[in-house]
């Protein structure tokens, strides 16, 4: 059975090999609306807490805190058996279509039954769904199997099978859905080198012909113990620059995106007291925001096109640890003072852009 599946995937690749490159007629804007929120030339997006158990929120609530509408709406969709999970997209597509400025729809498509479940049948269902979204005049950034270089998802740490599935999906999606961009998105490097299986990049790279956007998940957690620490100077720049040299114009020639980011303020669940470290929520989050969208960032990493903020509060346990903590990733819909200062910074940055 597995041999038959692989044979079908090879046929799929060969039958559409001419479509593996990015269509020259596709917009270099990646579908981003320049009238939506951009800071120093970097588009600002958000990942809402659509159906979180605690403190759910919506894109409209996020937009209400911003000087301009979000450029990207992020989402997470579990594939489930036979791609039945794709139906969940309809709920949020209706929400997106009502938002001002036609934001890009960034979908983290999660093969939650493992990579072997991503059969040719499933791949074709995904491609058909992306085409359906595109027919609504919506651009998709399809972030399949994100953070595949980590051990926390059941599709992770399997570079050969990941690349096999990615390539087959890329061919099918490009053939069916021309306004869907394949977004390859590992976790920011935490391995010994960029070549490491655990926490590296290169072993998971499916090839330039099969990727439209190179992206990262990148958070400031205050170290492995997740302490409340101010991000050190140039932390964001160094990590993004390393990635961009590999996959941006100096390397594989792809636009660079931060698919999700934040700098959470952490509390102990048992006592509800702040975790050790001593930094305030304001200092942690505003410092991170300013590092990411600084003029220095845009000058140093000109390939960086967009950043999406993870606007969620959640309780979780860090990989390799047993102590669950409450982590407030929100920039806009949590601490009121942080939200107001973030908006002021954004408004001032927009004003400065107009003056230049």
C-alpha atoms as a PDB file:
ATOM      1  CA  UNK A   1       0.000   0.000   0.000  1.00  0.00           C
ATOM      2  CA  UNK A   2       2.802   2.417   0.904  1.00  0.00           C
ATOM      3  CA  UNK A   3       4.530   1.693  -2.441  1.00  0.00           C
ATOM      4  CA  UNK A   4       1.310   2.548  -4.287  1.00  0.00           C
ATOM      5  CA  UNK A   5       0.981   5.821  -2.382  1.00  0.00           C
ATOM      6  CA  UNK A   6       4.568   6.813  -3.176  1.00  0.00           C
ATOM      7  CA  UNK A   7       4.038   5.892  -6.848  1.00  0.00           C
ATOM      8  CA  UNK A   8       0.973   8.125  -7.040  1.00  0.00           C
ATOM      9  CA  UNK A   9       2.890  10.985  -5.467  1.00  0.00           C
ATOM     10  CA  UNK A  10       5.717  10.575  -7.989  1.00  0.00           C
ATOM     11  CA  UNK A  11       3.181  10.668 -10.831  1.00  0.00           C
ATOM     12  CA  UNK A  12       1.681  13.820  -9.343  1.00  0.00           C
ATOM     13  CA  UNK A  13       5.096  15.458  -9.243  1.00  0.00           C
ATOM     14  CA  UNK A  14       6.018  14.427 -12.791  1.00  0.00           C
ATOM     15  CA  UNK A  15       2.667  15.399 -14.282  1.00  0.00           C
ATOM     16  CA  UNK A  16       2.970  18.978 -13.039  1.00  0.00           C
ATOM     17  CA  UNK A  17       6.702  19.565 -12.896  1.00  0.00           C
ATOM     18  CA  UNK A  18       6.336  22.669 -15.047  1.00  0.00           C
ATOM     19  CA  UNK A  19       4.332  24.363 -12.314  1.00  0.00           C
ATOM     20  CA  UNK A  20       6.891  24.106  -9.526  1.00  0.00           C
ATOM     21  CA  UNK A  21       8.325  27.594  -9.985  1.00  0.00           C
ATOM     22  CA  UNK A  22       6.536  30.728  -8.838  1.00  0.00           C
ATOM     23  CA  UNK A  23       4.424  32.114 -11.670  1.00  0.00           C
ATOM     24  CA  UNK A  24       6.078  35.240 -13.038  1.00  0.00           C
ATOM     25  CA  UNK A  25       2.666  36.903 -13.218  1.00  0.00           C
ATOM     26  CA  UNK A  26       2.034  36.591  -9.483  1.00  0.00           C
ATOM     27  CA  UNK A  27       2.196  39.792  -7.529  1.00  0.00           C
ATOM     28  CA  UNK A  28       5.562  40.547  -5.891  1.00  0.00           C
ATOM     29  CA  UNK A  29       3.491  42.025  -3.055  1.00  0.00           C
ATOM     30  CA  UNK A  30       2.593  38.440  -2.014  1.00  0.00           C
ATOM     31  CA  UNK A  31      -1.016  39.575  -1.914  1.00  0.00           C
ATOM     32  CA  UNK A  32      -0.387  42.143   0.832  1.00  0.00           C
ATOM     33  CA  UNK A  33      -2.486  45.307   0.746  1.00  0.00           C
ATOM     34  CA  UNK A  34      -0.192  48.326   1.123  1.00  0.00           C
ATOM     35  CA  UNK A  35      -3.063  50.308   2.678  1.00  0.00           C
ATOM     36  CA  UNK A  36      -3.202  47.977   5.667  1.00  0.00           C
ATOM     37  CA  UNK A  37      -0.881  48.236   8.659  1.00  0.00           C
ATOM     38  CA  UNK A  38       2.808  48.395   7.806  1.00  0.00           C
ATOM     39  CA  UNK A  39       5.588  49.607  10.088  1.00  0.00           C
ATOM     40  CA  UNK A  40       8.857  50.669   8.480  1.00  0.00           C
ATOM     41  CA  UNK A  41       7.838  48.743   5.383  1.00  0.00           C
ATOM     42  CA  UNK A  42       7.047  45.511   7.261  1.00  0.00           C
ATOM     43  CA  UNK A  43       3.418  44.328   7.193  1.00  0.00           C
ATOM     44  CA  UNK A  44       1.790  43.713  10.596  1.00  0.00           C
ATOM     45  CA  UNK A  45      -0.476  40.704  11.019  1.00  0.00           C
ATOM     46  CA  UNK A  46      -2.142  38.989  13.953  1.00  0.00           C
ATOM     47  CA  UNK A  47      -3.169  35.500  15.016  1.00  0.00           C
ATOM     48  CA  UNK A  48      -6.436  35.807  16.961  1.00  0.00           C
ATOM     49  CA  UNK A  49      -7.572  33.538  19.793  1.00  0.00           C
ATOM     50  CA  UNK A  50     -10.629  32.411  17.832  1.00  0.00           C
ATOM     51  CA  UNK A  51     -11.802  29.522  19.988  1.00  0.00           C
ATOM     52  CA  UNK A  52      -9.426  29.532  22.925  1.00  0.00           C
ATOM     53  CA  UNK A  53     -10.998  28.392  26.182  1.00  0.00           C
ATOM     54  CA  UNK A  54      -9.823  31.493  28.019  1.00  0.00           C
ATOM     55  CA  UNK A  55      -9.976  35.037  26.643  1.00  0.00           C
ATOM     56  CA  UNK A  56     -11.042  34.334  23.045  1.00  0.00           C
ATOM     57  CA  UNK A  57     -10.860  37.270  20.661  1.00  0.00           C
ATOM     58  CA  UNK A  58     -11.565  38.189  17.052  1.00  0.00           C
ATOM     59  CA  UNK A  59      -9.751  40.008  14.238  1.00  0.00           C
ATOM     60  CA  UNK A  60     -12.230  42.876  14.539  1.00  0.00           C
ATOM     61  CA  UNK A  61     -11.335  43.348  18.206  1.00  0.00           C
ATOM     62  CA  UNK A  62      -7.664  43.422  17.255  1.00  0.00           C
ATOM     63  CA  UNK A  63      -8.285  45.925  14.459  1.00  0.00           C
ATOM     64  CA  UNK A  64     -10.060  48.206  16.928  1.00  0.00           C
ATOM     65  CA  UNK A  65      -6.759  48.589  18.814  1.00  0.00           C
ATOM     66  CA  UNK A  66      -4.698  49.421  15.727  1.00  0.00           C
ATOM     67  CA  UNK A  67      -4.214  52.600  13.672  1.00  0.00           C
ATOM     68  CA  UNK A  68      -4.844  50.585  10.490  1.00  0.00           C
ATOM     69  CA  UNK A  69      -6.294  47.119   9.770  1.00  0.00           C
ATOM     70  CA  UNK A  70      -4.139  44.010  10.050  1.00  0.00           C
ATOM     71  CA  UNK A  71      -2.341  42.912   6.879  1.00  0.00           C
ATOM     72  CA  UNK A  72      -2.495  39.185   7.702  1.00  0.00           C
ATOM     73  CA  UNK A  73      -5.017  37.068   9.593  1.00  0.00           C
ATOM     74  CA  UNK A  74      -3.403  33.938  10.990  1.00  0.00           C
ATOM     75  CA  UNK A  75      -5.218  30.688  11.683  1.00  0.00           C
ATOM     76  CA  UNK A  76      -4.586  27.075  12.739  1.00  0.00           C
ATOM     77  CA  UNK A  77      -6.440  24.225  11.030  1.00  0.00           C
ATOM     78  CA  UNK A  78      -6.025  20.550  11.929  1.00  0.00           C
ATOM     79  CA  UNK A  79      -6.371  18.306   8.881  1.00  0.00           C
ATOM     80  CA  UNK A  80      -7.977  15.395  10.753  1.00  0.00           C
ATOM     81  CA  UNK A  81      -8.820  12.156   8.918  1.00  0.00           C
ATOM     82  CA  UNK A  82      -9.120  12.423   5.123  1.00  0.00           C
ATOM     83  CA  UNK A  83      -8.791  16.221   5.358  1.00  0.00           C
ATOM     84  CA  UNK A  84     -12.185  16.543   7.044  1.00  0.00           C
ATOM     85  CA  UNK A  85     -10.733  19.385   9.103  1.00  0.00           C
ATOM     86  CA  UNK A  86     -10.641  21.632   6.041  1.00  0.00           C
ATOM     87  CA  UNK A  87     -14.311  22.381   6.642  1.00  0.00           C
ATOM     88  CA  UNK A  88     -13.272  24.436   9.663  1.00  0.00           C
ATOM     89  CA  UNK A  89     -11.789  26.985   7.283  1.00  0.00           C
ATOM     90  CA  UNK A  90     -15.282  28.071   6.231  1.00  0.00           C
ATOM     91  CA  UNK A  91     -16.021  29.475   9.685  1.00  0.00           C
ATOM     92  CA  UNK A  92     -13.051  31.814   9.624  1.00  0.00           C
ATOM     93  CA  UNK A  93     -13.161  32.639   5.923  1.00  0.00           C
ATOM     94  CA  UNK A  94     -16.516  34.328   6.487  1.00  0.00           C
ATOM     95  CA  UNK A  95     -14.876  36.388   9.237  1.00  0.00           C
ATOM     96  CA  UNK A  96     -11.973  37.384   7.003  1.00  0.00           C
ATOM     97  CA  UNK A  97     -14.227  38.442   4.138  1.00  0.00           C
ATOM     98  CA  UNK A  98     -15.879  40.999   6.420  1.00  0.00           C
ATOM     99  CA  UNK A  99     -12.582  42.595   7.474  1.00  0.00           C
ATOM    100  CA  UNK A 100     -11.409  45.879   5.937  1.00  0.00           C
ATOM    101  CA  UNK A 101      -8.482  45.876   3.569  1.00  0.00           C
ATOM    102  CA  UNK A 102      -8.571  42.239   2.366  1.00  0.00           C
ATOM    103  CA  UNK A 103      -5.886  40.778   4.636  1.00  0.00           C
ATOM    104  CA  UNK A 104      -3.890  37.740   3.563  1.00  0.00           C
ATOM    105  CA  UNK A 105      -5.183  34.486   5.063  1.00  0.00           C
ATOM    106  CA  UNK A 106      -2.218  32.689   6.664  1.00  0.00           C
ATOM    107  CA  UNK A 107      -3.241  29.079   7.373  1.00  0.00           C
ATOM    108  CA  UNK A 108      -1.106  26.826   9.547  1.00  0.00           C
ATOM    109  CA  UNK A 109      -2.276  23.475   8.181  1.00  0.00           C
ATOM    110  CA  UNK A 110      -1.547  20.827  10.788  1.00  0.00           C
ATOM    111  CA  UNK A 111      -1.301  17.131   9.764  1.00  0.00           C
ATOM    112  CA  UNK A 112      -2.388  16.043  13.231  1.00  0.00           C
ATOM    113  CA  UNK A 113      -2.647  12.361  12.275  1.00  0.00           C
ATOM    114  CA  UNK A 114       0.953  12.332  11.092  1.00  0.00           C
ATOM    115  CA  UNK A 115       2.624  12.808   7.736  1.00  0.00           C
ATOM    116  CA  UNK A 116       1.706   9.318   6.497  1.00  0.00           C
ATOM    117  CA  UNK A 117      -1.945  10.387   6.602  1.00  0.00           C
ATOM    118  CA  UNK A 118      -1.255  13.039   3.943  1.00  0.00           C
ATOM    119  CA  UNK A 119      -2.204  10.837   0.988  1.00  0.00           C
ATOM    120  CA  UNK A 120      -2.672  11.921  -2.642  1.00  0.00           C
ATOM    121  CA  UNK A 121      -6.412  12.086  -1.907  1.00  0.00           C
ATOM    122  CA  UNK A 122      -5.786  14.445   1.022  1.00  0.00           C
ATOM    123  CA  UNK A 123      -3.352  16.527  -1.016  1.00  0.00           C
ATOM    124  CA  UNK A 124      -5.904  17.014  -3.782  1.00  0.00           C
ATOM    125  CA  UNK A 125      -8.576  17.995  -1.246  1.00  0.00           C
ATOM    126  CA  UNK A 126      -6.221  20.612   0.183  1.00  0.00           C
ATOM    127  CA  UNK A 127      -5.476  22.004  -3.272  1.00  0.00           C
ATOM    128  CA  UNK A 128      -9.182  22.187  -4.098  1.00  0.00           C
ATOM    129  CA  UNK A 129      -9.889  24.019  -0.845  1.00  0.00           C
ATOM    130  CA  UNK A 130      -7.158  26.565  -1.510  1.00  0.00           C
ATOM    131  CA  UNK A 131      -8.615  27.163  -4.980  1.00  0.00           C
ATOM    132  CA  UNK A 132     -12.030  27.736  -3.408  1.00  0.00           C
ATOM    133  CA  UNK A 133     -10.578  30.360  -1.065  1.00  0.00           C
ATOM    134  CA  UNK A 134      -8.742  32.056  -3.940  1.00  0.00           C
ATOM    135  CA  UNK A 135     -12.012  32.300  -5.885  1.00  0.00           C
ATOM    136  CA  UNK A 136     -13.236  34.543  -3.074  1.00  0.00           C
ATOM    137  CA  UNK A 137     -10.427  36.942  -4.042  1.00  0.00           C
ATOM    138  CA  UNK A 138      -8.437  35.989  -0.940  1.00  0.00           C
ATOM    139  CA  UNK A 139      -4.695  35.350  -0.994  1.00  0.00           C
ATOM    140  CA  UNK A 140      -3.517  32.398   1.097  1.00  0.00           C
ATOM    141  CA  UNK A 141      -0.143  31.761   2.679  1.00  0.00           C
ATOM    142  CA  UNK A 142      -0.272  28.000   3.258  1.00  0.00           C
ATOM    143  CA  UNK A 143       1.939  27.053   6.194  1.00  0.00           C
ATOM    144  CA  UNK A 144       1.893  23.267   6.036  1.00  0.00           C
ATOM    145  CA  UNK A 145       3.450  21.262   8.874  1.00  0.00           C
ATOM    146  CA  UNK A 146       4.928  24.290  10.622  1.00  0.00           C
ATOM    147  CA  UNK A 147       7.740  23.921  13.184  1.00  0.00           C
ATOM    148  CA  UNK A 148       8.635  20.570  11.642  1.00  0.00           C
ATOM    149  CA  UNK A 149      12.149  20.853  13.107  1.00  0.00           C
ATOM    150  CA  UNK A 150      10.850  20.433  16.666  1.00  0.00           C
ATOM    151  CA  UNK A 151       9.672  17.431  18.641  1.00  0.00           C
ATOM    152  CA  UNK A 152       6.391  18.845  20.001  1.00  0.00           C
ATOM    153  CA  UNK A 153       4.201  17.933  16.995  1.00  0.00           C
ATOM    154  CA  UNK A 154       3.721  14.411  15.662  1.00  0.00           C
ATOM    155  CA  UNK A 155       4.786  15.521  12.173  1.00  0.00           C
ATOM    156  CA  UNK A 156       8.108  16.814  13.480  1.00  0.00           C
ATOM    157  CA  UNK A 157      11.646  15.436  13.278  1.00  0.00           C
ATOM    158  CA  UNK A 158      11.077  13.449  10.071  1.00  0.00           C
ATOM    159  CA  UNK A 159      12.859  15.448   7.371  1.00  0.00           C
ATOM    160  CA  UNK A 160      12.657  12.983   4.473  1.00  0.00           C
ATOM    161  CA  UNK A 161       8.960  12.258   4.806  1.00  0.00           C
ATOM    162  CA  UNK A 162       8.212  15.937   5.395  1.00  0.00           C
ATOM    163  CA  UNK A 163      10.005  16.939   2.186  1.00  0.00           C
ATOM    164  CA  UNK A 164       8.227  14.198   0.240  1.00  0.00           C
ATOM    165  CA  UNK A 165       4.799  15.405   1.353  1.00  0.00           C
ATOM    166  CA  UNK A 166       5.678  19.075   0.959  1.00  0.00           C
ATOM    167  CA  UNK A 167       6.777  18.681  -2.652  1.00  0.00           C
ATOM    168  CA  UNK A 168       3.674  16.752  -3.648  1.00  0.00           C
ATOM    169  CA  UNK A 169       1.444  19.316  -1.941  1.00  0.00           C
ATOM    170  CA  UNK A 170       3.294  22.244  -3.493  1.00  0.00           C
ATOM    171  CA  UNK A 171       2.802  20.908  -7.011  1.00  0.00           C
ATOM    172  CA  UNK A 172      -0.896  20.236  -6.458  1.00  0.00           C
ATOM    173  CA  UNK A 173      -1.578  23.609  -4.853  1.00  0.00           C
ATOM    174  CA  UNK A 174       0.235  25.591  -7.524  1.00  0.00           C
ATOM    175  CA  UNK A 175      -1.627  23.775 -10.251  1.00  0.00           C
ATOM    176  CA  UNK A 176      -5.041  24.456  -8.686  1.00  0.00           C
ATOM    177  CA  UNK A 177      -4.697  27.663  -6.648  1.00  0.00           C
ATOM    178  CA  UNK A 178      -2.475  30.363  -8.179  1.00  0.00           C
ATOM    179  CA  UNK A 179      -3.094  32.844  -5.353  1.00  0.00           C
ATOM    180  CA  UNK A 180      -1.908  30.424  -2.677  1.00  0.00           C
ATOM    181  CA  UNK A 181       1.730  30.756  -1.647  1.00  0.00           C
ATOM    182  CA  UNK A 182       3.568  27.823  -0.081  1.00  0.00           C
ATOM    183  CA  UNK A 183       5.034  29.085   3.197  1.00  0.00           C
ATOM    184  CA  UNK A 184       7.817  26.894   4.610  1.00  0.00           C
ATOM    185  CA  UNK A 185       8.032  27.700   8.322  1.00  0.00           C
ATOM    186  CA  UNK A 186      10.389  25.975  10.771  1.00  0.00           C
ATOM    187  CA  UNK A 187      10.828  27.048  14.359  1.00  0.00           C
ATOM    188  CA  UNK A 188      13.655  29.535  14.923  1.00  0.00           C
ATOM    189  CA  UNK A 189      16.902  27.608  15.267  1.00  0.00           C
ATOM    190  CA  UNK A 190      17.484  26.022  18.661  1.00  0.00           C
ATOM    191  CA  UNK A 191      19.777  23.201  17.519  1.00  0.00           C
ATOM    192  CA  UNK A 192      23.555  23.154  17.516  1.00  0.00           C
ATOM    193  CA  UNK A 193      23.682  24.269  13.884  1.00  0.00           C
ATOM    194  CA  UNK A 194      21.457  25.085  10.931  1.00  0.00           C
ATOM    195  CA  UNK A 195      22.091  21.516   9.730  1.00  0.00           C
ATOM    196  CA  UNK A 196      20.826  19.781  12.891  1.00  0.00           C
ATOM    197  CA  UNK A 197      17.813  17.472  12.620  1.00  0.00           C
ATOM    198  CA  UNK A 198      16.556  18.813  15.935  1.00  0.00           C
ATOM    199  CA  UNK A 199      16.201  22.566  15.781  1.00  0.00           C
ATOM    200  CA  UNK A 200      18.019  23.122  12.485  1.00  0.00           C
ATOM    201  CA  UNK A 201      16.794  24.165   9.060  1.00  0.00           C
ATOM    202  CA  UNK A 202      18.582  22.666   6.089  1.00  0.00           C
ATOM    203  CA  UNK A 203      17.496  19.041   6.461  1.00  0.00           C
ATOM    204  CA  UNK A 204      13.860  20.124   6.096  1.00  0.00           C
ATOM    205  CA  UNK A 205      14.338  22.395   3.084  1.00  0.00           C
ATOM    206  CA  UNK A 206      12.303  20.865   0.222  1.00  0.00           C
ATOM    207  CA  UNK A 207      14.051  22.858  -2.497  1.00  0.00           C
ATOM    208  CA  UNK A 208      13.674  26.353  -3.857  1.00  0.00           C
ATOM    209  CA  UNK A 209      11.324  25.227  -6.631  1.00  0.00           C
ATOM    210  CA  UNK A 210       8.743  24.118  -4.077  1.00  0.00           C
ATOM    211  CA  UNK A 211       8.715  27.115  -1.705  1.00  0.00           C
ATOM    212  CA  UNK A 212       7.301  30.615  -2.200  1.00  0.00           C
ATOM    213  CA  UNK A 213       7.935  32.147   1.245  1.00  0.00           C
ATOM    214  CA  UNK A 214      10.479  31.222   3.926  1.00  0.00           C
ATOM    215  CA  UNK A 215       9.111  31.921   7.392  1.00  0.00           C
ATOM    216  CA  UNK A 216       9.847  31.395  11.070  1.00  0.00           C
ATOM    217  CA  UNK A 217       8.082  30.891  14.355  1.00  0.00           C
ATOM    218  CA  UNK A 218      10.198  33.012  16.684  1.00  0.00           C
ATOM    219  CA  UNK A 219       9.452  33.987  20.279  1.00  0.00           C
ATOM    220  CA  UNK A 220      11.334  35.619  23.106  1.00  0.00           C
ATOM    221  CA  UNK A 221      10.657  33.271  26.037  1.00  0.00           C
ATOM    222  CA  UNK A 222      13.263  34.534  28.472  1.00  0.00           C
ATOM    223  CA  UNK A 223      15.403  31.405  28.181  1.00  0.00           C
ATOM    224  CA  UNK A 224      14.566  27.723  28.614  1.00  0.00           C
ATOM    225  CA  UNK A 225      13.139  28.400  32.084  1.00  0.00           C
ATOM    226  CA  UNK A 226      10.818  31.030  30.595  1.00  0.00           C
ATOM    227  CA  UNK A 227      11.664  33.859  32.924  1.00  0.00           C
ATOM    228  CA  UNK A 228      10.406  37.441  32.636  1.00  0.00           C
ATOM    229  CA  UNK A 229      13.496  38.947  31.049  1.00  0.00           C
ATOM    230  CA  UNK A 230      13.865  41.906  28.702  1.00  0.00           C
ATOM    231  CA  UNK A 231      14.995  40.778  25.233  1.00  0.00           C
ATOM    232  CA  UNK A 232      18.687  41.471  24.892  1.00  0.00           C
ATOM    233  CA  UNK A 233      19.745  44.022  22.306  1.00  0.00           C
ATOM    234  CA  UNK A 234      19.732  42.725  18.714  1.00  0.00           C
ATOM    235  CA  UNK A 235      18.306  39.324  19.706  1.00  0.00           C
ATOM    236  CA  UNK A 236      15.597  39.505  17.047  1.00  0.00           C
ATOM    237  CA  UNK A 237      17.935  40.867  14.385  1.00  0.00           C
ATOM    238  CA  UNK A 238      20.575  38.177  14.858  1.00  0.00           C
ATOM    239  CA  UNK A 239      18.185  35.241  14.565  1.00  0.00           C
ATOM    240  CA  UNK A 240      16.235  36.645  11.615  1.00  0.00           C
ATOM    241  CA  UNK A 241      19.408  37.707   9.828  1.00  0.00           C
ATOM    242  CA  UNK A 242      20.865  34.196  10.115  1.00  0.00           C
ATOM    243  CA  UNK A 243      17.713  32.741   8.576  1.00  0.00           C
ATOM    244  CA  UNK A 244      17.555  35.392   5.851  1.00  0.00           C
ATOM    245  CA  UNK A 245      21.132  34.730   4.748  1.00  0.00           C
ATOM    246  CA  UNK A 246      20.154  31.130   4.071  1.00  0.00           C
ATOM    247  CA  UNK A 247      16.755  31.643   2.478  1.00  0.00           C
ATOM    248  CA  UNK A 248      16.467  35.318   1.484  1.00  0.00           C
ATOM    249  CA  UNK A 249      17.988  37.045  -1.536  1.00  0.00           C
ATOM    250  CA  UNK A 250      21.521  36.101  -0.460  1.00  0.00           C
ATOM    251  CA  UNK A 251      20.586  32.422  -0.389  1.00  0.00           C
ATOM    252  CA  UNK A 252      17.541  30.658  -1.836  1.00  0.00           C
ATOM    253  CA  UNK A 253      15.959  33.909  -3.009  1.00  0.00           C
ATOM    254  CA  UNK A 254      12.737  33.853  -1.002  1.00  0.00           C
ATOM    255  CA  UNK A 255      10.828  36.615   0.805  1.00  0.00           C
ATOM    256  CA  UNK A 256      11.161  36.274   4.590  1.00  0.00           C
ATOM    257  CA  UNK A 257       8.257  36.357   7.062  1.00  0.00           C
ATOM    258  CA  UNK A 258       7.828  35.901  10.802  1.00  0.00           C
ATOM    259  CA  UNK A 259       4.749  33.699  10.708  1.00  0.00           C
ATOM    260  CA  UNK A 260       4.199  33.979  14.456  1.00  0.00           C
ATOM    261  CA  UNK A 261       5.943  35.819  17.241  1.00  0.00           C
ATOM    262  CA  UNK A 262       5.529  37.367  20.669  1.00  0.00           C
ATOM    263  CA  UNK A 263       7.360  37.955  23.933  1.00  0.00           C
ATOM    264  CA  UNK A 264       5.050  36.555  26.616  1.00  0.00           C
ATOM    265  CA  UNK A 265       4.697  37.709  30.199  1.00  0.00           C
ATOM    266  CA  UNK A 266       4.748  34.582  32.336  1.00  0.00           C
ATOM    267  CA  UNK A 267       2.988  33.744  35.595  1.00  0.00           C
ATOM    268  CA  UNK A 268       3.075  30.670  37.804  1.00  0.00           C
ATOM    269  CA  UNK A 269      -0.249  28.870  37.603  1.00  0.00           C
ATOM    270  CA  UNK A 270      -0.050  27.724  41.217  1.00  0.00           C
ATOM    271  CA  UNK A 271       0.275  31.219  42.715  1.00  0.00           C
ATOM    272  CA  UNK A 272      -0.645  33.518  39.786  1.00  0.00           C
ATOM    273  CA  UNK A 273       2.485  35.480  40.629  1.00  0.00           C
ATOM    274  CA  UNK A 274       4.912  36.630  37.920  1.00  0.00           C
ATOM    275  CA  UNK A 275       7.697  34.218  37.084  1.00  0.00           C
ATOM    276  CA  UNK A 276      11.168  35.222  38.195  1.00  0.00           C
ATOM    277  CA  UNK A 277      13.251  37.602  36.112  1.00  0.00           C
ATOM    278  CA  UNK A 278      11.956  40.948  37.312  1.00  0.00           C
ATOM    279  CA  UNK A 279      11.071  42.586  33.991  1.00  0.00           C
ATOM    280  CA  UNK A 280       7.660  44.192  33.574  1.00  0.00           C
ATOM    281  CA  UNK A 281       5.151  43.111  30.953  1.00  0.00           C
ATOM    282  CA  UNK A 282       5.499  46.504  29.328  1.00  0.00           C
ATOM    283  CA  UNK A 283       9.290  46.321  29.045  1.00  0.00           C
ATOM    284  CA  UNK A 284       9.269  42.790  27.641  1.00  0.00           C
ATOM    285  CA  UNK A 285       6.609  43.302  24.979  1.00  0.00           C
ATOM    286  CA  UNK A 286       7.343  46.848  23.857  1.00  0.00           C
ATOM    287  CA  UNK A 287      11.065  46.106  23.610  1.00  0.00           C
ATOM    288  CA  UNK A 288      10.312  43.096  21.417  1.00  0.00           C
ATOM    289  CA  UNK A 289       7.874  45.047  19.250  1.00  0.00           C
ATOM    290  CA  UNK A 290      10.419  47.790  18.656  1.00  0.00           C
ATOM    291  CA  UNK A 291      13.201  45.318  17.873  1.00  0.00           C
ATOM    292  CA  UNK A 292      11.084  43.558  15.261  1.00  0.00           C
ATOM    293  CA  UNK A 293       9.819  46.644  13.442  1.00  0.00           C
ATOM    294  CA  UNK A 294      12.844  48.906  13.792  1.00  0.00           C
ATOM    295  CA  UNK A 295      14.387  50.774  10.892  1.00  0.00           C
ATOM    296  CA  UNK A 296      17.572  48.849  11.612  1.00  0.00           C
ATOM    297  CA  UNK A 297      15.700  45.571  11.089  1.00  0.00           C
ATOM    298  CA  UNK A 298      14.378  46.670   7.706  1.00  0.00           C
ATOM    299  CA  UNK A 299      17.788  47.982   6.611  1.00  0.00           C
ATOM    300  CA  UNK A 300      19.617  44.866   7.783  1.00  0.00           C
ATOM    301  CA  UNK A 301      17.028  42.347   6.545  1.00  0.00           C
ATOM    302  CA  UNK A 302      15.417  43.951   3.485  1.00  0.00           C
ATOM    303  CA  UNK A 303      13.824  40.616   2.560  1.00  0.00           C
ATOM    304  CA  UNK A 304      11.638  40.704   5.704  1.00  0.00           C
ATOM    305  CA  UNK A 305       8.116  41.365   4.412  1.00  0.00           C
ATOM    306  CA  UNK A 306       5.725  40.654   7.275  1.00  0.00           C
ATOM    307  CA  UNK A 307       5.387  39.759  10.959  1.00  0.00           C
ATOM    308  CA  UNK A 308       2.313  38.276  12.671  1.00  0.00           C
ATOM    309  CA  UNK A 309       1.763  38.665  16.415  1.00  0.00           C
ATOM    310  CA  UNK A 310       0.377  35.712  18.407  1.00  0.00           C
ATOM    311  CA  UNK A 311      -2.514  37.454  20.207  1.00  0.00           C
ATOM    312  CA  UNK A 312      -3.328  34.667  22.655  1.00  0.00           C
ATOM    313  CA  UNK A 313      -2.971  33.852  26.360  1.00  0.00           C
ATOM    314  CA  UNK A 314      -2.479  30.202  27.206  1.00  0.00           C
ATOM    315  CA  UNK A 315      -1.227  27.769  29.804  1.00  0.00           C
ATOM    316  CA  UNK A 316       1.489  25.477  28.560  1.00  0.00           C
ATOM    317  CA  UNK A 317       4.530  23.494  29.539  1.00  0.00           C
ATOM    318  CA  UNK A 318       7.789  24.164  27.722  1.00  0.00           C
ATOM    319  CA  UNK A 319       9.328  21.187  25.858  1.00  0.00           C
ATOM    320  CA  UNK A 320      11.490  19.168  28.233  1.00  0.00           C
ATOM    321  CA  UNK A 321       9.938  20.659  31.385  1.00  0.00           C
ATOM    322  CA  UNK A 322       7.094  19.686  33.723  1.00  0.00           C
ATOM    323  CA  UNK A 323       6.082  23.037  35.237  1.00  0.00           C
ATOM    324  CA  UNK A 324       3.020  24.478  33.505  1.00  0.00           C
ATOM    325  CA  UNK A 325       2.863  28.260  33.314  1.00  0.00           C
ATOM    326  CA  UNK A 326       0.418  30.892  32.161  1.00  0.00           C
ATOM    327  CA  UNK A 327       1.917  32.842  29.277  1.00  0.00           C
ATOM    328  CA  UNK A 328       0.263  36.020  28.071  1.00  0.00           C
ATOM    329  CA  UNK A 329       1.414  36.539  24.489  1.00  0.00           C
ATOM    330  CA  UNK A 330      -1.047  39.357  23.813  1.00  0.00           C
ATOM    331  CA  UNK A 331       0.138  42.775  22.752  1.00  0.00           C
ATOM    332  CA  UNK A 332      -3.189  44.479  22.099  1.00  0.00           C
ATOM    333  CA  UNK A 333      -6.029  42.799  23.991  1.00  0.00           C
ATOM    334  CA  UNK A 334      -4.433  42.157  27.364  1.00  0.00           C
ATOM    335  CA  UNK A 335      -2.642  44.743  29.497  1.00  0.00           C
ATOM    336  CA  UNK A 336      -4.261  48.098  28.699  1.00  0.00           C
ATOM    337  CA  UNK A 337      -1.105  50.140  29.198  1.00  0.00           C
ATOM    338  CA  UNK A 338       0.884  47.860  26.899  1.00  0.00           C
ATOM    339  CA  UNK A 339      -1.848  48.040  24.268  1.00  0.00           C
ATOM    340  CA  UNK A 340      -1.977  51.836  24.355  1.00  0.00           C
ATOM    341  CA  UNK A 341       1.793  52.203  24.130  1.00  0.00           C
ATOM    342  CA  UNK A 342       1.944  49.729  21.245  1.00  0.00           C
ATOM    343  CA  UNK A 343      -0.662  51.735  19.349  1.00  0.00           C
ATOM    344  CA  UNK A 344       1.196  54.994  20.025  1.00  0.00           C
ATOM    345  CA  UNK A 345       4.423  53.460  18.714  1.00  0.00           C
ATOM    346  CA  UNK A 346       2.666  52.232  15.587  1.00  0.00           C
ATOM    347  CA  UNK A 347       0.999  55.583  14.951  1.00  0.00           C
ATOM    348  CA  UNK A 348       4.290  57.422  15.362  1.00  0.00           C
ATOM    349  CA  UNK A 349       6.057  54.987  13.037  1.00  0.00           C
ATOM    350  CA  UNK A 350       3.392  55.514  10.371  1.00  0.00           C
ATOM    351  CA  UNK A 351       3.749  59.290  10.747  1.00  0.00           C
ATOM    352  CA  UNK A 352       7.518  59.062  10.395  1.00  0.00           C
ATOM    353  CA  UNK A 353       7.121  56.973   7.233  1.00  0.00           C
ATOM    354  CA  UNK A 354       4.923  59.690   5.714  1.00  0.00           C
ATOM    355  CA  UNK A 355       7.485  62.382   6.511  1.00  0.00           C
ATOM    356  CA  UNK A 356      10.348  60.552   4.809  1.00  0.00           C
END
